[in-house]
């Protein structure tokens, strides 16, 4: 593998993450707008609908924030940024912890989430992937030598 060639798995993780991040962004915006529709509700139920609308809006805003973080991290993975590699590992570990918390309520989804996170963590720690993120351009590539002097 050439030193500058992106590993295929990094491309897959980055592209799938960007697609899912876009879907999450749209979903978060939709949930936020839906929740805001209930905010001005006055009347029956003693403001219960307004309170529910506020909670739903906050959930939507959190989803939008998470989607933006996912998009930034996946862009960083595709752009060979070491901080994105490290952030992806941290987010996958947090995702595994979250999946463990839902084992009793949604066992199939939790096990699937755990498996995907474990595979991504395993892959990001593969020597060739880790080395690809840790490589820095050589100083000669960043600062080419000056042109020779001309004696005209």
N, C-alpha and C. Protein backbone atom coordinates (compact mmCIF):
# COMPACT_ATOMS: atom_id res chain seq x y z
N UNK A 1 0.85 -1.18 0.00
CA UNK A 1 0.00 0.00 0.00
C UNK A 1 0.89 1.23 0.00
N UNK A 2 0.59 2.14 -0.87
CA UNK A 2 1.34 3.40 -0.91
C UNK A 2 1.05 4.19 0.36
N UNK A 3 2.02 4.98 0.77
CA UNK A 3 1.88 5.68 2.05
C UNK A 3 0.74 6.70 2.03
N UNK A 4 0.39 7.22 0.86
CA UNK A 4 -0.66 8.23 0.81
C UNK A 4 -2.03 7.65 0.50
N UNK A 5 -2.09 6.37 0.20
CA UNK A 5 -3.38 5.77 -0.15
C UNK A 5 -4.20 5.51 1.12
N UNK A 6 -5.43 6.02 1.13
CA UNK A 6 -6.30 5.84 2.28
C UNK A 6 -6.75 4.39 2.36
N UNK A 7 -6.70 3.78 3.56
CA UNK A 7 -7.20 2.41 3.70
C UNK A 7 -8.69 2.35 3.36
N UNK A 8 -9.10 1.26 2.71
CA UNK A 8 -10.48 1.11 2.26
C UNK A 8 -11.47 1.21 3.42
N UNK A 9 -11.14 0.59 4.54
CA UNK A 9 -12.03 0.62 5.70
C UNK A 9 -12.26 2.02 6.23
N UNK A 10 -11.23 2.86 6.18
CA UNK A 10 -11.39 4.25 6.62
C UNK A 10 -12.37 4.97 5.69
N UNK A 11 -12.27 4.69 4.40
CA UNK A 11 -13.20 5.29 3.45
C UNK A 11 -14.63 4.84 3.74
N UNK A 12 -14.80 3.55 3.99
CA UNK A 12 -16.14 3.02 4.28
C UNK A 12 -16.69 3.64 5.55
N UNK A 13 -15.89 3.68 6.61
CA UNK A 13 -16.34 4.27 7.88
C UNK A 13 -16.69 5.74 7.67
N UNK A 14 -15.84 6.47 6.97
CA UNK A 14 -16.09 7.89 6.75
C UNK A 14 -17.33 8.17 5.92
N UNK A 15 -17.50 7.44 4.82
CA UNK A 15 -18.65 7.68 3.94
C UNK A 15 -19.95 7.27 4.61
N UNK A 16 -19.96 6.10 5.24
CA UNK A 16 -21.17 5.65 5.95
C UNK A 16 -21.49 6.62 7.08
N UNK A 17 -20.47 7.07 7.79
CA UNK A 17 -20.69 8.03 8.87
C UNK A 17 -21.25 9.35 8.37
N UNK A 18 -20.77 9.81 7.22
CA UNK A 18 -21.30 11.06 6.67
C UNK A 18 -22.76 10.87 6.24
N UNK A 19 -23.07 9.75 5.61
CA UNK A 19 -24.47 9.49 5.22
C UNK A 19 -25.38 9.42 6.44
N UNK A 20 -24.96 8.69 7.46
CA UNK A 20 -25.77 8.60 8.69
C UNK A 20 -25.84 9.94 9.41
N UNK A 21 -24.75 10.70 9.36
CA UNK A 21 -24.76 12.03 9.97
C UNK A 21 -25.74 12.96 9.29
N UNK A 22 -25.82 12.88 7.96
CA UNK A 22 -26.79 13.70 7.22
C UNK A 22 -28.22 13.31 7.58
N UNK A 23 -28.46 12.00 7.68
CA UNK A 23 -29.81 11.54 8.08
C UNK A 23 -30.14 11.99 9.50
N UNK A 24 -29.17 11.89 10.39
CA UNK A 24 -29.39 12.32 11.78
C UNK A 24 -29.62 13.82 11.84
N UNK A 25 -28.92 14.58 11.00
CA UNK A 25 -29.11 16.03 10.97
C UNK A 25 -30.53 16.37 10.53
N UNK A 26 -30.99 15.72 9.47
CA UNK A 26 -32.36 15.95 9.01
C UNK A 26 -33.38 15.54 10.06
N UNK A 27 -33.15 14.38 10.70
CA UNK A 27 -34.07 13.92 11.74
C UNK A 27 -34.08 14.89 12.92
N UNK A 28 -32.90 15.37 13.31
CA UNK A 28 -32.83 16.31 14.43
C UNK A 28 -33.55 17.61 14.12
N UNK A 29 -33.38 18.10 12.91
CA UNK A 29 -34.10 19.33 12.52
C UNK A 29 -35.61 19.10 12.51
N UNK A 30 -36.03 17.94 12.00
CA UNK A 30 -37.46 17.64 11.97
C UNK A 30 -38.03 17.53 13.38
N UNK A 31 -37.32 16.86 14.26
CA UNK A 31 -37.79 16.72 15.65
C UNK A 31 -37.84 18.08 16.33
N UNK A 32 -36.85 18.91 16.08
CA UNK A 32 -36.83 20.24 16.68
C UNK A 32 -38.03 21.06 16.21
N UNK A 33 -38.28 21.06 14.92
CA UNK A 33 -39.42 21.82 14.38
C UNK A 33 -40.73 21.25 14.91
N UNK A 34 -40.84 19.92 14.97
CA UNK A 34 -42.06 19.29 15.49
C UNK A 34 -42.29 19.69 16.94
N UNK A 35 -41.22 19.69 17.73
CA UNK A 35 -41.36 20.08 19.14
C UNK A 35 -41.74 21.54 19.29
N UNK A 36 -41.20 22.40 18.43
CA UNK A 36 -41.52 23.82 18.50
C UNK A 36 -42.97 24.10 18.13
N UNK A 37 -43.56 23.21 17.36
CA UNK A 37 -44.96 23.38 16.99
C UNK A 37 -45.87 23.31 18.22
N UNK A 38 -45.42 22.59 19.26
CA UNK A 38 -46.23 22.46 20.46
C UNK A 38 -45.94 23.54 21.51
N UNK A 39 -44.85 24.29 21.33
CA UNK A 39 -44.49 25.29 22.34
C UNK A 39 -45.56 26.35 22.55
N UNK A 40 -46.15 26.90 21.48
CA UNK A 40 -47.14 27.95 21.72
C UNK A 40 -48.52 27.44 22.14
N UNK A 41 -48.64 26.13 22.33
CA UNK A 41 -49.94 25.55 22.66
C UNK A 41 -50.38 26.03 24.04
N UNK A 42 -51.56 26.58 24.09
CA UNK A 42 -52.13 27.06 25.35
C UNK A 42 -53.51 26.42 25.47
N UNK A 43 -53.84 26.06 26.62
CA UNK A 43 -55.20 25.56 26.76
C UNK A 43 -55.25 24.30 27.59
N UNK A 44 -55.94 23.33 27.04
CA UNK A 44 -56.21 22.09 27.76
C UNK A 44 -54.92 21.49 28.34
N UNK A 45 -55.06 20.66 29.25
CA UNK A 45 -53.99 19.89 29.88
C UNK A 45 -53.02 20.74 30.69
N UNK A 46 -53.34 21.97 31.00
CA UNK A 46 -52.53 22.79 31.88
C UNK A 46 -51.10 23.01 31.40
N UNK A 47 -50.91 23.19 30.14
CA UNK A 47 -49.58 23.45 29.59
C UNK A 47 -48.74 22.20 29.36
N UNK A 48 -49.37 21.03 29.46
CA UNK A 48 -48.63 19.78 29.28
C UNK A 48 -48.05 19.69 27.86
N UNK A 49 -48.82 20.09 26.85
CA UNK A 49 -48.32 20.02 25.48
C UNK A 49 -47.13 20.94 25.27
N UNK A 50 -47.16 22.11 25.89
CA UNK A 50 -46.02 23.02 25.77
C UNK A 50 -44.77 22.41 26.40
N UNK A 51 -44.95 21.76 27.53
CA UNK A 51 -43.82 21.13 28.20
C UNK A 51 -43.27 19.98 27.34
N UNK A 52 -44.14 19.17 26.79
CA UNK A 52 -43.70 18.07 25.93
C UNK A 52 -43.00 18.63 24.70
N UNK A 53 -43.56 19.70 24.13
CA UNK A 53 -42.93 20.33 22.97
C UNK A 53 -41.53 20.83 23.29
N UNK A 54 -41.35 21.38 24.47
CA UNK A 54 -40.03 21.86 24.88
C UNK A 54 -39.03 20.72 25.01
N UNK A 55 -39.46 19.63 25.63
CA UNK A 55 -38.58 18.47 25.79
C UNK A 55 -38.22 17.89 24.42
N UNK A 56 -39.21 17.77 23.54
CA UNK A 56 -38.95 17.24 22.20
C UNK A 56 -37.99 18.15 21.44
N UNK A 57 -38.14 19.45 21.59
CA UNK A 57 -37.23 20.39 20.92
C UNK A 57 -35.81 20.23 21.42
N UNK A 58 -35.64 20.05 22.71
CA UNK A 58 -34.30 19.86 23.28
C UNK A 58 -33.69 18.56 22.75
N UNK A 59 -34.48 17.51 22.66
CA UNK A 59 -33.98 16.24 22.10
C UNK A 59 -33.53 16.46 20.65
N UNK A 60 -34.31 17.21 19.89
CA UNK A 60 -33.94 17.51 18.51
C UNK A 60 -32.65 18.29 18.41
N UNK A 61 -32.47 19.25 19.28
CA UNK A 61 -31.24 20.06 19.27
C UNK A 61 -30.03 19.19 19.63
N UNK A 62 -30.18 18.29 20.59
CA UNK A 62 -29.10 17.38 20.95
C UNK A 62 -28.77 16.47 19.76
N UNK A 63 -29.79 16.00 19.06
CA UNK A 63 -29.57 15.17 17.88
C UNK A 63 -28.84 15.93 16.77
N UNK A 64 -29.20 17.19 16.57
CA UNK A 64 -28.51 18.02 15.58
C UNK A 64 -27.04 18.18 15.98
N UNK A 65 -26.78 18.46 17.24
CA UNK A 65 -25.40 18.61 17.72
C UNK A 65 -24.60 17.34 17.49
N UNK A 66 -25.19 16.18 17.84
CA UNK A 66 -24.49 14.90 17.66
C UNK A 66 -24.22 14.63 16.18
N UNK A 67 -25.17 14.99 15.32
CA UNK A 67 -24.99 14.80 13.88
C UNK A 67 -23.86 15.66 13.35
N UNK A 68 -23.78 16.89 13.81
CA UNK A 68 -22.70 17.79 13.36
C UNK A 68 -21.34 17.25 13.82
N UNK A 69 -21.27 16.76 15.05
CA UNK A 69 -20.02 16.16 15.55
C UNK A 69 -19.65 14.96 14.68
N UNK A 70 -20.62 14.12 14.37
CA UNK A 70 -20.35 12.95 13.53
C UNK A 70 -19.85 13.35 12.15
N UNK A 71 -20.46 14.36 11.57
CA UNK A 71 -20.03 14.83 10.24
C UNK A 71 -18.59 15.37 10.29
N UNK A 72 -18.27 16.12 11.32
CA UNK A 72 -16.92 16.68 11.45
C UNK A 72 -15.89 15.56 11.64
N UNK A 73 -16.20 14.59 12.50
CA UNK A 73 -15.26 13.49 12.75
C UNK A 73 -15.06 12.65 11.49
N UNK A 74 -16.14 12.37 10.78
CA UNK A 74 -16.01 11.56 9.56
C UNK A 74 -15.24 12.32 8.48
N UNK A 75 -15.44 13.61 8.37
CA UNK A 75 -14.63 14.41 7.44
C UNK A 75 -13.16 14.32 7.85
N UNK A 76 -12.90 14.40 9.15
CA UNK A 76 -11.53 14.30 9.64
C UNK A 76 -10.91 12.94 9.35
N UNK A 77 -11.69 11.88 9.47
CA UNK A 77 -11.17 10.55 9.14
C UNK A 77 -10.78 10.49 7.67
N UNK A 78 -11.65 11.00 6.81
CA UNK A 78 -11.35 10.97 5.37
C UNK A 78 -10.19 11.89 5.02
N UNK A 79 -9.94 12.88 5.85
CA UNK A 79 -8.86 13.85 5.59
C UNK A 79 -7.56 13.50 6.32
N UNK A 80 -7.52 12.33 6.92
CA UNK A 80 -6.30 11.84 7.57
C UNK A 80 -5.90 12.67 8.78
N UNK A 81 -6.86 13.08 9.56
CA UNK A 81 -6.59 13.87 10.76
C UNK A 81 -6.47 12.94 11.97
N UNK A 82 -5.36 13.05 12.67
CA UNK A 82 -5.13 12.20 13.84
C UNK A 82 -6.19 12.44 14.92
N UNK A 83 -6.60 13.70 15.11
CA UNK A 83 -7.61 14.01 16.12
C UNK A 83 -8.92 13.28 15.80
N UNK A 84 -9.23 13.09 14.52
CA UNK A 84 -10.46 12.38 14.15
C UNK A 84 -10.35 10.91 14.49
N UNK A 85 -9.17 10.33 14.29
CA UNK A 85 -8.95 8.93 14.65
C UNK A 85 -9.18 8.73 16.15
N UNK A 86 -8.59 9.62 16.94
CA UNK A 86 -8.72 9.53 18.39
C UNK A 86 -10.17 9.79 18.83
N UNK A 87 -10.81 10.79 18.24
CA UNK A 87 -12.20 11.11 18.59
C UNK A 87 -13.13 9.96 18.20
N UNK A 88 -12.89 9.35 17.05
CA UNK A 88 -13.72 8.22 16.62
C UNK A 88 -13.61 7.07 17.62
N UNK A 89 -12.40 6.81 18.10
CA UNK A 89 -12.24 5.76 19.11
C UNK A 89 -13.02 6.08 20.38
N UNK A 90 -12.91 7.31 20.84
CA UNK A 90 -13.62 7.72 22.06
C UNK A 90 -15.13 7.60 21.87
N UNK A 91 -15.63 8.07 20.73
CA UNK A 91 -17.07 8.00 20.47
C UNK A 91 -17.55 6.56 20.35
N UNK A 92 -16.74 5.70 19.76
CA UNK A 92 -17.14 4.28 19.67
C UNK A 92 -17.20 3.63 21.04
N UNK A 93 -16.25 3.96 21.92
CA UNK A 93 -16.29 3.43 23.29
C UNK A 93 -17.54 3.94 24.01
N UNK A 94 -17.84 5.23 23.85
CA UNK A 94 -19.06 5.77 24.46
C UNK A 94 -20.30 5.10 23.87
N UNK A 95 -20.27 4.82 22.57
CA UNK A 95 -21.39 4.11 21.94
C UNK A 95 -21.56 2.71 22.50
N UNK A 96 -20.45 2.05 22.79
CA UNK A 96 -20.54 0.72 23.40
C UNK A 96 -21.15 0.79 24.80
N UNK A 97 -20.76 1.80 25.55
CA UNK A 97 -21.33 1.98 26.88
C UNK A 97 -22.83 2.24 26.78
N UNK A 98 -23.22 3.08 25.81
CA UNK A 98 -24.64 3.34 25.60
C UNK A 98 -25.40 2.09 25.18
N UNK A 99 -24.78 1.27 24.34
CA UNK A 99 -25.43 0.02 23.91
C UNK A 99 -25.61 -0.93 25.09
N UNK A 100 -24.63 -0.95 25.98
CA UNK A 100 -24.76 -1.81 27.16
C UNK A 100 -25.96 -1.38 28.02
N UNK A 101 -26.23 -0.08 28.03
CA UNK A 101 -27.36 0.43 28.81
C UNK A 101 -28.72 0.06 28.23
N UNK A 102 -28.76 -0.35 26.97
CA UNK A 102 -30.04 -0.68 26.34
C UNK A 102 -30.22 -2.18 26.08
N UNK A 103 -29.34 -3.01 26.65
CA UNK A 103 -29.42 -4.45 26.39
C UNK A 103 -30.75 -5.03 26.83
N UNK A 104 -31.27 -4.57 27.95
CA UNK A 104 -32.52 -5.14 28.46
C UNK A 104 -33.74 -4.67 27.67
N UNK A 105 -33.73 -3.44 27.20
CA UNK A 105 -34.92 -2.92 26.50
C UNK A 105 -34.92 -3.22 25.02
N UNK A 106 -33.74 -3.28 24.40
CA UNK A 106 -33.66 -3.56 22.96
C UNK A 106 -32.43 -4.42 22.71
N UNK A 107 -32.51 -5.71 23.04
CA UNK A 107 -31.31 -6.54 22.99
C UNK A 107 -30.69 -6.68 21.59
N UNK A 108 -31.51 -6.81 20.56
CA UNK A 108 -30.96 -6.99 19.21
C UNK A 108 -30.22 -5.73 18.78
N UNK A 109 -30.83 -4.57 18.98
CA UNK A 109 -30.20 -3.31 18.61
C UNK A 109 -28.93 -3.09 19.42
N UNK A 110 -28.97 -3.41 20.70
CA UNK A 110 -27.80 -3.23 21.57
C UNK A 110 -26.65 -4.13 21.13
N UNK A 111 -26.95 -5.38 20.84
CA UNK A 111 -25.90 -6.31 20.43
C UNK A 111 -25.33 -5.89 19.08
N UNK A 112 -26.17 -5.44 18.18
CA UNK A 112 -25.71 -4.96 16.87
C UNK A 112 -24.82 -3.73 17.05
N UNK A 113 -25.24 -2.80 17.90
CA UNK A 113 -24.43 -1.61 18.18
C UNK A 113 -23.09 -1.96 18.80
N UNK A 114 -23.08 -2.91 19.74
CA UNK A 114 -21.84 -3.35 20.35
C UNK A 114 -20.91 -3.99 19.32
N UNK A 115 -21.47 -4.82 18.46
CA UNK A 115 -20.66 -5.51 17.44
C UNK A 115 -20.05 -4.51 16.46
N UNK A 116 -20.85 -3.56 15.98
CA UNK A 116 -20.33 -2.58 15.03
C UNK A 116 -19.24 -1.73 15.67
N UNK A 117 -19.48 -1.27 16.89
CA UNK A 117 -18.48 -0.46 17.59
C UNK A 117 -17.20 -1.26 17.82
N UNK A 118 -17.33 -2.52 18.18
CA UNK A 118 -16.14 -3.35 18.41
C UNK A 118 -15.35 -3.54 17.13
N UNK A 119 -16.03 -3.75 16.01
CA UNK A 119 -15.33 -3.92 14.73
C UNK A 119 -14.63 -2.62 14.33
N UNK A 120 -15.29 -1.49 14.51
CA UNK A 120 -14.67 -0.21 14.16
C UNK A 120 -13.44 0.04 15.03
N UNK A 121 -13.54 -0.20 16.32
CA UNK A 121 -12.40 -0.01 17.22
C UNK A 121 -11.26 -0.95 16.82
N UNK A 122 -11.59 -2.20 16.58
CA UNK A 122 -10.58 -3.17 16.16
C UNK A 122 -9.89 -2.70 14.88
N UNK A 123 -10.68 -2.25 13.91
CA UNK A 123 -10.11 -1.82 12.62
C UNK A 123 -9.23 -0.59 12.79
N UNK A 124 -9.67 0.39 13.57
CA UNK A 124 -8.88 1.60 13.74
C UNK A 124 -7.55 1.33 14.44
N UNK A 125 -7.48 0.23 15.19
CA UNK A 125 -6.22 -0.13 15.85
C UNK A 125 -5.34 -1.04 14.99
N UNK A 126 -5.76 -1.41 13.80
CA UNK A 126 -4.91 -2.21 12.92
C UNK A 126 -3.64 -1.41 12.61
N UNK A 127 -2.50 -2.07 12.58
CA UNK A 127 -1.24 -1.33 12.42
C UNK A 127 -1.19 -0.43 11.18
N UNK A 128 -1.67 -0.91 10.04
CA UNK A 128 -1.59 -0.09 8.84
C UNK A 128 -2.52 1.12 8.90
N UNK A 129 -3.65 0.98 9.59
CA UNK A 129 -4.59 2.10 9.71
C UNK A 129 -4.04 3.13 10.69
N UNK A 130 -3.57 2.64 11.81
CA UNK A 130 -3.01 3.56 12.80
C UNK A 130 -1.79 4.29 12.23
N UNK A 131 -0.96 3.56 11.50
CA UNK A 131 0.23 4.18 10.90
C UNK A 131 -0.18 5.24 9.87
N UNK A 132 -1.27 4.98 9.14
CA UNK A 132 -1.71 5.94 8.13
C UNK A 132 -2.10 7.27 8.79
N UNK A 133 -2.75 7.19 9.94
CA UNK A 133 -3.14 8.41 10.63
C UNK A 133 -1.96 9.09 11.33
N UNK A 134 -0.97 8.32 11.75
CA UNK A 134 0.16 8.89 12.48
C UNK A 134 1.23 9.45 11.56
N UNK A 135 1.22 9.09 10.30
CA UNK A 135 2.23 9.60 9.37
C UNK A 135 2.06 11.08 9.17
N UNK A 136 3.16 11.73 9.12
CA UNK A 136 3.19 13.16 8.82
C UNK A 136 3.90 13.34 7.49
N UNK A 137 3.54 14.33 6.73
CA UNK A 137 4.29 14.56 5.50
C UNK A 137 5.74 14.87 5.81
N UNK A 138 6.61 14.42 4.95
CA UNK A 138 8.03 14.68 5.18
C UNK A 138 8.30 16.17 5.03
N UNK A 139 9.30 16.69 5.72
CA UNK A 139 9.61 18.12 5.61
C UNK A 139 9.90 18.53 4.17
N UNK A 140 10.47 17.61 3.37
CA UNK A 140 10.76 17.95 1.97
C UNK A 140 9.47 18.20 1.19
N UNK A 141 8.38 17.49 1.56
CA UNK A 141 7.12 17.68 0.86
C UNK A 141 6.47 19.00 1.27
N UNK A 142 6.67 19.39 2.51
CA UNK A 142 6.07 20.62 3.00
C UNK A 142 6.88 21.84 2.56
N UNK A 143 8.19 21.73 2.69
CA UNK A 143 9.09 22.83 2.33
C UNK A 143 10.04 22.35 1.23
N UNK A 144 9.66 22.49 -0.03
CA UNK A 144 10.56 22.04 -1.09
C UNK A 144 11.85 22.87 -1.08
N UNK A 145 12.90 22.25 -1.59
CA UNK A 145 14.16 23.00 -1.58
C UNK A 145 14.06 24.24 -2.48
N UNK A 146 14.84 25.26 -2.15
CA UNK A 146 14.78 26.47 -2.97
C UNK A 146 15.40 26.20 -4.35
N UNK A 147 14.99 26.97 -5.33
CA UNK A 147 15.58 26.76 -6.66
C UNK A 147 17.04 27.17 -6.66
N UNK A 148 17.81 26.57 -7.53
CA UNK A 148 19.24 26.91 -7.56
C UNK A 148 19.42 28.36 -8.02
N UNK A 149 20.47 29.01 -7.57
CA UNK A 149 20.68 30.39 -7.98
C UNK A 149 21.02 30.46 -9.47
N UNK A 150 20.60 31.51 -10.08
CA UNK A 150 20.91 31.67 -11.51
C UNK A 150 22.05 32.68 -11.63
N UNK A 151 23.05 32.31 -12.39
CA UNK A 151 24.20 33.19 -12.61
C UNK A 151 24.14 33.69 -14.05
N UNK A 152 23.26 34.60 -14.29
CA UNK A 152 23.12 35.10 -15.66
C UNK A 152 23.83 36.37 -15.89
